[in-house]
Structure formats: structure tokens, C-alpha cells
Amino acid sequence: ELAAEFRRRGKVVVLGGPHVTLLPDEAQQHADAICVGYAEESWPQLLRDFAHGEMKPRYDQGTDFQLTNLPFARRDLLDGRNYLTQAVFEATRACAHNCEFCVAPSAWGRKQFQKPVAHVVEDIRRVGSRKILFIDLNLVSDPAYARELFTALIPLKVRWFGLSTSLIGRDPAMMDLMAQSGCTGLLIGFESISRAGLSTIDKRFNDPQLYAELVRDLHRRGITIQGCFVFGNDADTEETFDTTADFVIRTQIDLPRFAILTPFPGTPIHTRFEREGRILTRDWELYDGQHVVFRPKQMTPEALLAGHERAWKAVYGWKPILNRLRHARGQIPLSLAANLGYRFYAHHLHTHYTCDWPQVADQGEPICA
């Protein structure tokens, strides 16, 4: 809709990003040019071509793409008052794993691209903030690189938050080094507390039997956890929601988050669900992690929607929040704000649901506002 409106005004429209990379032929219909894949090199080339009146309809990530020799972001050109923080950094891209539902391997492959550690350190020094955020999908995907990076962070005396897989729990020395380097929080995709559930989405490297120990080990090192879980895999039943919520409350995961399994187009799980006739809608606007866009295997779409909301409300009740805050270890203001924000979200999920599910069986497509 945005592209159509700007083209109506006579503007040149370029599209890029994950969705465009996954469905370039679809995107091509709505733009004068598209950028497929990472665009650090293709975007400048597009601009040069545009300036000379020679813009091509499609620009692809080069086969020799690297994250080396990149300029530092000119954050000084941005008004810092418009951002919660500008201390956001990226050391690596991609993840070595191949989870069935994940967009990353389908869009960009499993090869990890890495910035030189010296470049990352210099970027952090230039910004000068003591509290920083890494947005890498999996900072420990390459253990050797991770050790080099964490060692280099120690002299900077920063406090940082990043993303990791649960495999970090099998490497105590790495956890020690992360804590030494200033790690105060990790987002970890637990996804399911059922081994069978993890198997259905090809995330077999997660071991639910080690989850509780991992949470304890990270807490002992002063590292808080944003734990992410996905509902709707083929092994999930209507008992899964309450069992998962009970586990989260019992282990006192600092900031739990739930999502509904979403078969994003271009991923293996979308291909499988389409082959099985389980895709309910191709309205991509509903592919947001909080709508049910496929037929679950062991429950109805309504049950998945209701169970997801029930789990959110259970873990963000007042008692679980207060119990979590007792272990916030000097991060009470931030933890309180985050928990209250998610409590508000949990109790307003119904305002985001725009599908009238009883219509699905009759019409074959959900009726959405």
C-alpha cells in the first residue's frame, strides 16, 4: 500500500529486507527496484546507478559479500533524543543452525559473517556508552570468535545485552568469560519445554532437561534471561500452555516471552504446511507471531490463540512478577519497567486479534478486520 501510494505520487520506490529477500518476485511487482539479501554493497551501487539514470530493477547480495572494511555508522547525524539508545552494535550476522521456522537461514544462509573484533571495539569506544546492546542473532555461533570478542570487551568495562542459544549452558568457561566481559542479560530461544516439540521444528540441539540448570547458572553469574517460547508446534497440546507457564514461573526466567508459531513465507515450515494444506491465509500482515495463520495439528486455531493469551497472563500475574524482581540483582528499575510493559501487553492481547476464527471452517479463509 505504501509503495503504491508513493508511486502514484511519481516517486521511485525501492524495497528490501527479509520479506523481499524471501519473496523477491512478489516484491518486484510493487517497486521500481529491489535489494535482495544484505545491501551494504548493493545499496550504494543502486544509488550510483540512480544518479546516472541507470537504475536496474534488481540488486542482489554479492557472492563475495563480507562484513570487513565497512565504515563506522555516523550516529552523530542522528538526534539522540529520538532514541532510547544509540549504543546498538553488531559483531556478526547469521546463525549456523537451521531451525525449520527461522527466517534467517532461508533468507541469508547459515554462513556467519563477522566484523573484525578490533572494528567492533573501536565502534563501541567511539559511541562511549557503558551500556550497550548486541543485536547479533547468535553471538556464540562461532565459539572462537565469541571468546576473542568477549576478551576484548573486558577492558572497556561495559555492560551488555545480547542473544545466544541454550548451548551456552554446556560451556561453563564461556559463561564465565561472558560475565567477565560485562554481560548482564541474554535473550535465549528455548522455544519449547518438550523434546518432541523441538524435534518437530528441527531445533534438536536444545535440551529441555538442561533448561533449569542453565537458568540457575546464568543467574549465579549475574546474567538475566529473556526466555522466548513458541506455541503451536505439532507436538503441542492444550496442556502445553499451562505446563510452559508453570516452568517459567518455577525457574524465575526474568522476562518470559511467548509467540505463536508463524510459518513465514520462504521458510521450510511454510513449504511443509502448504504441502499439508494447513495454511489458512496468505495475508502477510497477519504473519506477526500473534495470529494463528495455520491449522495446528493437535488443537483448533481458537485453542492455540486462547492458550497463548492464557500463558502470557499467567506469567505476568503480580505474584510471578514480584518473585522475579527479588532476583533482579541491581537491575530492579529496568526489570520492573520491562515486566510492567509486558504485563500491559499480556492483558491487551485481545485487542490485537483481528481474525474471526469461526468463519475459517465455512469460508476456508479467516475473516480479518
Protein backbone atom coordinates (compact mmCIF):
# COMPACT_ATOMS: atom_id res chain seq x y z
CA GLU A 1 0.00 0.00 0.00
CA LEU A 2 2.83 2.39 0.85
CA ALA A 3 4.68 1.56 -2.35
CA ALA A 4 1.54 2.09 -4.41
CA GLU A 5 0.86 5.46 -2.83
CA PHE A 6 4.38 6.76 -3.39
CA ARG A 7 4.46 5.50 -6.96
CA ARG A 8 1.12 7.26 -7.51
CA ARG A 9 2.91 10.46 -6.49
CA GLY A 10 5.60 9.81 -9.07
CA LYS A 11 8.28 8.70 -6.60
CA VAL A 12 10.83 5.99 -7.27
CA VAL A 13 10.27 3.10 -4.85
CA VAL A 14 12.94 0.63 -3.72
CA LEU A 15 12.14 -2.32 -1.44
CA GLY A 16 14.48 -4.51 0.58
CA GLY A 17 14.67 -6.55 3.75
CA PRO A 18 13.80 -10.09 4.88
CA HIS A 19 10.39 -10.37 3.19
CA VAL A 20 11.72 -9.01 -0.09
CA THR A 21 14.65 -11.42 0.10
CA LEU A 22 12.31 -14.36 0.74
CA LEU A 23 9.77 -13.39 -1.94
CA PRO A 24 11.63 -11.23 -4.48
CA ASP A 25 9.26 -11.94 -7.38
CA GLU A 26 6.29 -10.76 -5.35
CA ALA A 27 8.14 -7.65 -4.17
CA GLN A 28 9.27 -6.84 -7.71
CA GLN A 29 5.64 -6.17 -8.67
CA HIS A 30 5.42 -3.30 -6.19
CA ALA A 31 8.70 -1.45 -6.67
CA ASP A 32 10.92 0.14 -9.29
CA ALA A 33 13.87 -1.76 -7.83
CA ILE A 34 14.51 -4.30 -5.09
CA CYS A 35 17.54 -5.17 -2.97
CA VAL A 36 17.81 -8.89 -2.26
CA GLY A 37 19.97 -10.02 0.64
CA TYR A 38 22.35 -7.82 2.62
CA ALA A 39 22.68 -4.41 0.99
CA GLU A 40 25.85 -2.76 2.32
CA GLU A 41 27.37 -3.07 -1.16
CA SER A 42 24.31 -3.22 -3.42
CA TRP A 43 22.59 -0.14 -1.96
CA PRO A 44 25.46 2.27 -2.73
CA GLN A 45 25.64 0.78 -6.23
CA LEU A 46 21.89 1.33 -6.65
CA LEU A 47 22.31 4.96 -5.61
CA ARG A 48 25.15 5.48 -8.07
CA ASP A 49 23.11 3.92 -10.86
CA PHE A 50 20.07 6.00 -9.94
CA ALA A 51 22.15 9.20 -10.03
CA HIS A 52 23.22 8.33 -13.57
CA GLY A 53 19.71 7.35 -14.67
CA GLU A 54 20.72 3.70 -14.96
CA MET A 55 18.98 2.05 -12.01
CA LYS A 56 18.38 -1.66 -12.54
CA PRO A 57 15.21 -3.45 -11.37
CA ARG A 58 17.07 -5.82 -9.03
CA TYR A 59 20.25 -5.76 -6.94
CA ASP A 60 21.47 -8.95 -5.29
CA GLN A 61 23.90 -9.53 -2.47
CA GLY A 62 27.26 -10.41 -3.99
CA THR A 63 28.69 -13.89 -3.67
CA ASP A 64 31.84 -12.37 -2.16
CA PHE A 65 29.96 -10.32 0.47
CA GLN A 66 31.84 -9.71 3.74
CA LEU A 67 31.45 -7.51 6.82
CA THR A 68 35.03 -6.27 6.61
CA ASN A 69 36.17 -2.78 5.58
CA LEU A 70 32.81 -1.21 6.45
CA PRO A 71 32.60 2.43 7.55
CA PHE A 72 31.51 3.25 11.09
CA ALA A 73 27.89 4.31 11.45
CA ARG A 74 27.55 8.12 11.59
CA ARG A 75 25.41 8.20 14.71
CA ASP A 76 26.33 11.85 15.17
CA LEU A 77 23.99 12.65 12.26
CA LEU A 78 21.03 11.40 14.29
CA ASP A 79 19.21 13.28 17.04
CA GLY A 80 19.83 11.10 20.10
CA ARG A 81 16.72 12.48 21.79
CA ASN A 82 14.62 10.40 19.39
CA TYR A 83 16.11 7.07 20.51
CA LEU A 84 16.05 5.03 23.70
CA THR A 85 19.71 4.31 22.93
CA GLN A 86 22.13 4.61 20.04
CA ALA A 87 24.55 2.17 21.66
CA VAL A 88 23.45 -0.69 19.40
CA PHE A 89 26.13 -2.86 17.82
CA GLU A 90 26.51 -5.84 15.54
CA ALA A 91 29.54 -8.11 15.51
CA THR A 92 28.21 -10.99 13.43
CA ARG A 93 25.36 -11.97 11.16
CA ALA A 94 23.55 -15.27 10.60
CA CYS A 95 23.41 -18.44 12.66
CA ALA A 96 24.87 -21.87 11.98
CA HIS A 97 21.65 -23.67 12.91
CA ASN A 98 18.77 -24.49 10.58
CA CYS A 99 15.58 -24.31 12.66
CA GLU A 100 12.59 -25.03 10.43
CA PHE A 101 10.63 -21.90 11.35
CA CYS A 102 13.52 -19.43 11.26
CA VAL A 103 13.68 -16.79 8.55
CA ALA A 104 17.45 -16.30 8.77
CA PRO A 105 18.80 -19.47 7.10
CA SER A 106 16.19 -19.28 4.33
CA ALA A 107 16.87 -15.62 3.59
CA TRP A 108 20.63 -15.37 4.13
CA GLY A 109 22.03 -18.86 4.60
CA ARG A 110 23.91 -20.35 7.55
CA LYS A 111 27.36 -18.91 6.88
CA GLN A 112 28.22 -16.47 9.64
CA PHE A 113 29.65 -13.14 8.59
CA GLN A 114 31.94 -11.49 11.13
CA LYS A 115 33.27 -7.99 11.64
CA PRO A 116 36.88 -7.81 12.82
CA VAL A 117 36.86 -7.67 16.62
CA ALA A 118 39.06 -4.56 16.52
CA HIS A 119 36.38 -2.83 14.40
CA VAL A 120 33.65 -3.72 16.90
CA VAL A 121 35.75 -2.48 19.84
CA GLU A 122 36.55 0.79 18.09
CA ASP A 123 32.88 1.34 17.27
CA ILE A 124 31.98 0.86 20.95
CA ARG A 125 34.74 3.26 22.01
CA ARG A 126 33.50 5.91 19.58
CA VAL A 127 29.98 5.77 20.98
CA GLY A 128 31.27 5.91 24.54
CA SER A 129 28.27 4.35 26.27
CA ARG A 130 28.79 1.95 29.17
CA LYS A 131 25.51 0.16 28.49
CA ILE A 132 25.34 -1.46 25.07
CA LEU A 133 23.18 -3.84 23.07
CA PHE A 134 24.32 -6.51 20.60
CA ILE A 135 21.67 -7.43 18.01
CA ASP A 136 23.51 -10.47 16.60
CA LEU A 137 21.21 -13.48 16.11
CA ASN A 138 23.64 -15.75 17.96
CA LEU A 139 26.76 -14.22 19.46
CA VAL A 140 28.21 -17.64 20.33
CA SER A 141 27.61 -19.31 16.96
CA ASP A 142 31.39 -19.35 16.43
CA PRO A 143 32.91 -20.07 19.88
CA ALA A 144 36.44 -18.99 18.88
CA TYR A 145 35.22 -15.63 17.61
CA ALA A 146 33.00 -15.21 20.68
CA ARG A 147 35.94 -15.78 23.03
CA GLU A 148 38.04 -13.23 21.14
CA LEU A 149 35.22 -10.67 21.27
CA PHE A 150 34.39 -11.18 24.95
CA THR A 151 38.06 -10.97 25.94
CA ALA A 152 38.38 -7.69 24.03
CA LEU A 153 35.32 -6.28 25.82
CA ILE A 154 36.75 -6.75 29.32
CA PRO A 155 38.99 -3.61 29.30
CA LEU A 156 36.05 -1.50 28.06
CA LYS A 157 34.13 -2.12 31.30
CA VAL A 158 30.80 -2.09 29.51
CA ARG A 159 27.56 -3.80 30.47
CA TRP A 160 25.92 -5.53 27.55
CA PHE A 161 22.84 -7.49 26.49
CA GLY A 162 22.80 -9.91 23.57
CA LEU A 163 21.38 -13.08 22.06
CA SER A 164 22.54 -16.66 22.48
CA THR A 165 21.30 -20.22 22.13
CA SER A 166 20.82 -22.58 25.06
CA LEU A 167 24.07 -24.29 24.04
CA ILE A 168 25.89 -21.72 26.16
CA GLY A 169 24.85 -23.78 29.18
CA ARG A 170 27.19 -26.58 28.11
CA ASP A 171 30.23 -24.30 28.20
CA PRO A 172 30.83 -23.00 31.77
CA ALA A 173 34.10 -21.34 30.75
CA MET A 174 32.29 -19.35 28.06
CA MET A 175 29.63 -18.29 30.56
CA ASP A 176 32.38 -17.14 32.94
CA LEU A 177 34.02 -15.14 30.15
CA MET A 178 30.70 -13.57 29.16
CA ALA A 179 30.14 -12.45 32.75
CA GLN A 180 33.69 -11.05 32.92
CA SER A 181 33.13 -9.14 29.69
CA GLY A 182 30.13 -7.34 31.16
CA CYS A 183 27.19 -9.47 30.02
CA THR A 184 24.15 -8.64 32.15
CA GLY A 185 21.44 -10.23 30.03
CA LEU A 186 20.78 -12.73 27.26
CA LEU A 187 17.82 -13.45 25.03
CA ILE A 188 17.59 -17.22 24.61
CA GLY A 189 15.19 -19.08 22.33
CA PHE A 190 14.05 -22.03 24.44
CA GLU A 191 11.04 -22.42 22.10
CA SER A 192 9.57 -25.50 23.81
CA ILE A 193 9.99 -27.45 27.04
CA SER A 194 9.20 -30.65 25.13
CA ARG A 195 11.89 -32.60 23.32
CA ALA A 196 9.23 -33.86 20.91
CA GLY A 197 8.14 -30.29 20.23
CA LEU A 198 11.69 -29.20 19.49
CA SER A 199 12.13 -32.14 17.15
CA THR A 200 9.12 -31.07 15.05
CA ILE A 201 10.79 -27.71 14.30
CA ASP A 202 14.34 -29.05 13.82
CA LYS A 203 15.72 -27.44 16.96
CA ARG A 204 17.07 -30.67 18.39
CA PHE A 205 20.20 -29.07 19.86
CA ASN A 206 18.03 -27.61 22.63
CA ASP A 207 17.72 -29.93 25.63
CA PRO A 208 14.75 -29.12 27.92
CA GLN A 209 16.29 -31.23 30.70
CA LEU A 210 19.10 -28.69 30.94
CA TYR A 211 16.96 -25.55 30.87
CA ALA A 212 16.53 -25.15 34.64
CA GLU A 213 20.24 -25.68 35.24
CA LEU A 214 21.08 -23.13 32.55
CA VAL A 215 18.82 -20.53 34.16
CA ARG A 216 20.43 -21.15 37.57
CA ASP A 217 23.96 -21.00 36.13
CA LEU A 218 23.34 -17.69 34.38
CA HIS A 219 21.63 -16.19 37.42
CA ARG A 220 24.60 -17.18 39.59
CA ARG A 221 26.79 -15.18 37.22
CA GLY A 222 24.53 -12.13 37.40
CA ILE A 223 23.11 -12.63 33.91
CA THR A 224 19.38 -12.11 33.46
CA ILE A 225 17.39 -14.03 30.86
CA GLN A 226 14.75 -13.08 28.35
CA GLY A 227 13.36 -16.51 27.59
CA CYS A 228 11.39 -16.98 24.37
CA PHE A 229 8.88 -19.77 23.76
CA VAL A 230 6.80 -20.65 20.70
CA PHE A 231 3.40 -22.31 20.83
CA GLY A 232 1.81 -24.34 18.05
CA ASN A 233 4.36 -26.95 17.01
CA ASP A 234 2.99 -30.36 16.02
CA ALA A 235 3.62 -31.87 19.45
CA ASP A 236 1.84 -29.13 21.40
CA THR A 237 -1.48 -29.91 23.06
CA GLU A 238 -3.84 -27.78 25.12
CA GLU A 239 -1.82 -28.76 28.22
CA THR A 240 1.33 -27.21 26.80
CA PHE A 241 0.41 -23.62 27.68
CA ASP A 242 -0.06 -24.21 31.41
CA THR A 243 2.94 -26.55 31.65
CA THR A 244 5.18 -23.98 29.98
CA ALA A 245 3.89 -21.12 32.13
CA ASP A 246 4.46 -23.19 35.28
CA PHE A 247 8.04 -23.93 34.19
CA VAL A 248 8.74 -20.25 33.53
CA ILE A 249 7.36 -19.23 36.92
CA ARG A 250 9.20 -22.00 38.76
CA THR A 251 12.59 -21.24 37.21
CA GLN A 252 12.05 -17.47 37.52
CA ILE A 253 13.10 -16.61 33.99
CA ASP A 254 13.47 -12.85 34.25
CA LEU A 255 11.50 -11.75 31.21
CA PRO A 256 9.48 -14.53 29.53
CA ARG A 257 8.03 -14.00 26.08
CA PHE A 258 5.65 -16.13 24.06
CA ALA A 259 4.81 -16.22 20.37
CA ILE A 260 2.55 -18.21 18.11
CA LEU A 261 4.41 -20.37 15.60
CA THR A 262 4.39 -18.44 12.32
CA PRO A 263 5.22 -20.18 9.01
CA PHE A 264 6.84 -17.21 7.32
CA PRO A 265 6.84 -17.47 3.51
CA GLY A 266 10.03 -18.90 2.10
CA THR A 267 10.82 -21.00 5.18
CA PRO A 268 10.77 -24.82 5.24
CA ILE A 269 7.87 -24.87 7.68
CA HIS A 270 5.72 -22.77 5.33
CA THR A 271 6.53 -25.16 2.49
CA ARG A 272 5.59 -28.14 4.66
CA PHE A 273 2.35 -26.61 5.96
CA GLU A 274 1.38 -25.60 2.43
CA ARG A 275 2.02 -29.13 1.19
CA GLU A 276 -0.14 -30.46 4.04
CA GLY A 277 -2.94 -28.00 3.24
CA ARG A 278 -2.67 -26.27 6.64
CA ILE A 279 -2.07 -22.65 5.63
CA LEU A 280 -5.19 -20.63 6.48
CA THR A 281 -4.30 -17.25 4.99
CA ARG A 282 -1.64 -15.57 2.88
CA ASP A 283 -2.36 -12.13 4.25
CA TRP A 284 1.23 -11.40 5.26
CA GLU A 285 0.07 -8.62 7.57
CA LEU A 286 -1.14 -11.33 9.94
CA TYR A 287 2.24 -13.10 9.99
CA ASP A 288 3.33 -11.32 13.16
CA GLY A 289 3.71 -14.02 15.81
CA GLN A 290 0.41 -13.24 17.49
CA HIS A 291 -2.11 -14.53 14.92
CA VAL A 292 -2.79 -18.15 14.03
CA VAL A 293 -2.31 -18.42 10.27
CA PHE A 294 -2.22 -22.24 10.00
CA ARG A 295 -4.14 -25.25 11.28
CA PRO A 296 -2.40 -26.68 14.38
CA LYS A 297 -2.08 -30.45 14.49
CA GLN A 298 -3.50 -31.22 17.94
CA MET A 299 -5.84 -28.32 18.67
CA THR A 300 -8.06 -25.79 16.97
CA PRO A 301 -6.86 -22.34 15.91
CA GLU A 302 -9.10 -20.88 18.63
CA ALA A 303 -7.48 -23.08 21.28
CA LEU A 304 -3.98 -22.01 20.21
CA LEU A 305 -4.97 -18.36 20.34
CA ALA A 306 -6.61 -18.70 23.76
CA GLY A 307 -3.80 -20.79 25.24
CA HIS A 308 -1.17 -18.30 24.07
CA GLU A 309 -3.02 -15.48 25.83
CA ARG A 310 -3.53 -17.60 28.96
CA ALA A 311 0.21 -18.27 29.25
CA TRP A 312 1.02 -14.56 28.92
CA LYS A 313 -1.43 -13.66 31.69
CA ALA A 314 -0.18 -16.43 33.97
CA VAL A 315 3.50 -15.42 33.92
CA TYR A 316 2.71 -11.72 34.19
CA GLY A 317 0.49 -12.00 37.23
CA TRP A 318 1.56 -9.83 40.15
CA LYS A 319 2.99 -12.68 42.25
CA PRO A 320 5.30 -14.06 39.50
CA ILE A 321 6.48 -10.53 38.71
CA LEU A 322 7.33 -9.79 42.35
CA ASN A 323 9.16 -13.11 42.71
CA ARG A 324 11.25 -12.34 39.62
CA LEU A 325 12.10 -8.85 40.86
CA ARG A 326 13.57 -10.30 44.06
CA HIS A 327 16.36 -11.72 41.90
CA ALA A 328 16.89 -8.67 39.68
CA ARG A 329 20.40 -8.09 41.13
CA GLY A 330 20.72 -4.33 40.84
CA GLN A 331 18.58 -4.09 37.72
CA ILE A 332 15.27 -3.54 39.50
CA PRO A 333 14.27 -0.30 37.67
CA LEU A 334 14.82 -1.86 34.24
CA SER A 335 13.31 -5.21 35.24
CA LEU A 336 10.27 -3.53 36.76
CA ALA A 337 9.68 -1.40 33.68
CA ALA A 338 10.05 -4.41 31.35
CA ASN A 339 7.76 -6.62 33.43
CA LEU A 340 5.09 -3.93 33.72
CA GLY A 341 5.28 -3.31 29.98
CA TYR A 342 4.80 -6.99 29.22
CA ARG A 343 2.02 -7.22 31.84
CA PHE A 344 0.15 -4.49 29.96
CA TYR A 345 0.76 -6.36 26.70
CA ALA A 346 -0.43 -9.65 28.20
CA HIS A 347 -3.71 -8.12 29.30
CA HIS A 348 -4.36 -6.38 25.99
CA LEU A 349 -3.56 -9.18 23.56
CA HIS A 350 -7.22 -9.48 22.64
CA THR A 351 -7.09 -6.00 21.10
CA HIS A 352 -4.53 -7.28 18.57
CA TYR A 353 -6.54 -10.28 17.41
CA THR A 354 -8.44 -9.31 14.29
CA CYS A 355 -9.43 -12.72 12.93
CA ASP A 356 -12.94 -14.11 13.30
CA TRP A 357 -11.93 -17.77 13.57
CA PRO A 358 -15.43 -19.32 13.47
CA GLN A 359 -15.53 -18.25 9.82
CA VAL A 360 -12.50 -20.34 8.92
CA ALA A 361 -14.24 -23.69 8.53
CA ASP A 362 -17.01 -22.21 6.41
CA GLN A 363 -15.01 -19.97 4.12
CA GLY A 364 -11.59 -21.58 4.05
CA GLU A 365 -10.01 -18.22 4.94
CA PRO A 366 -10.17 -16.28 8.21
CA ILE A 367 -12.27 -13.14 8.12
CA CYS A 368 -9.95 -10.37 9.30
CA ALA A 369 -10.68 -6.76 10.12
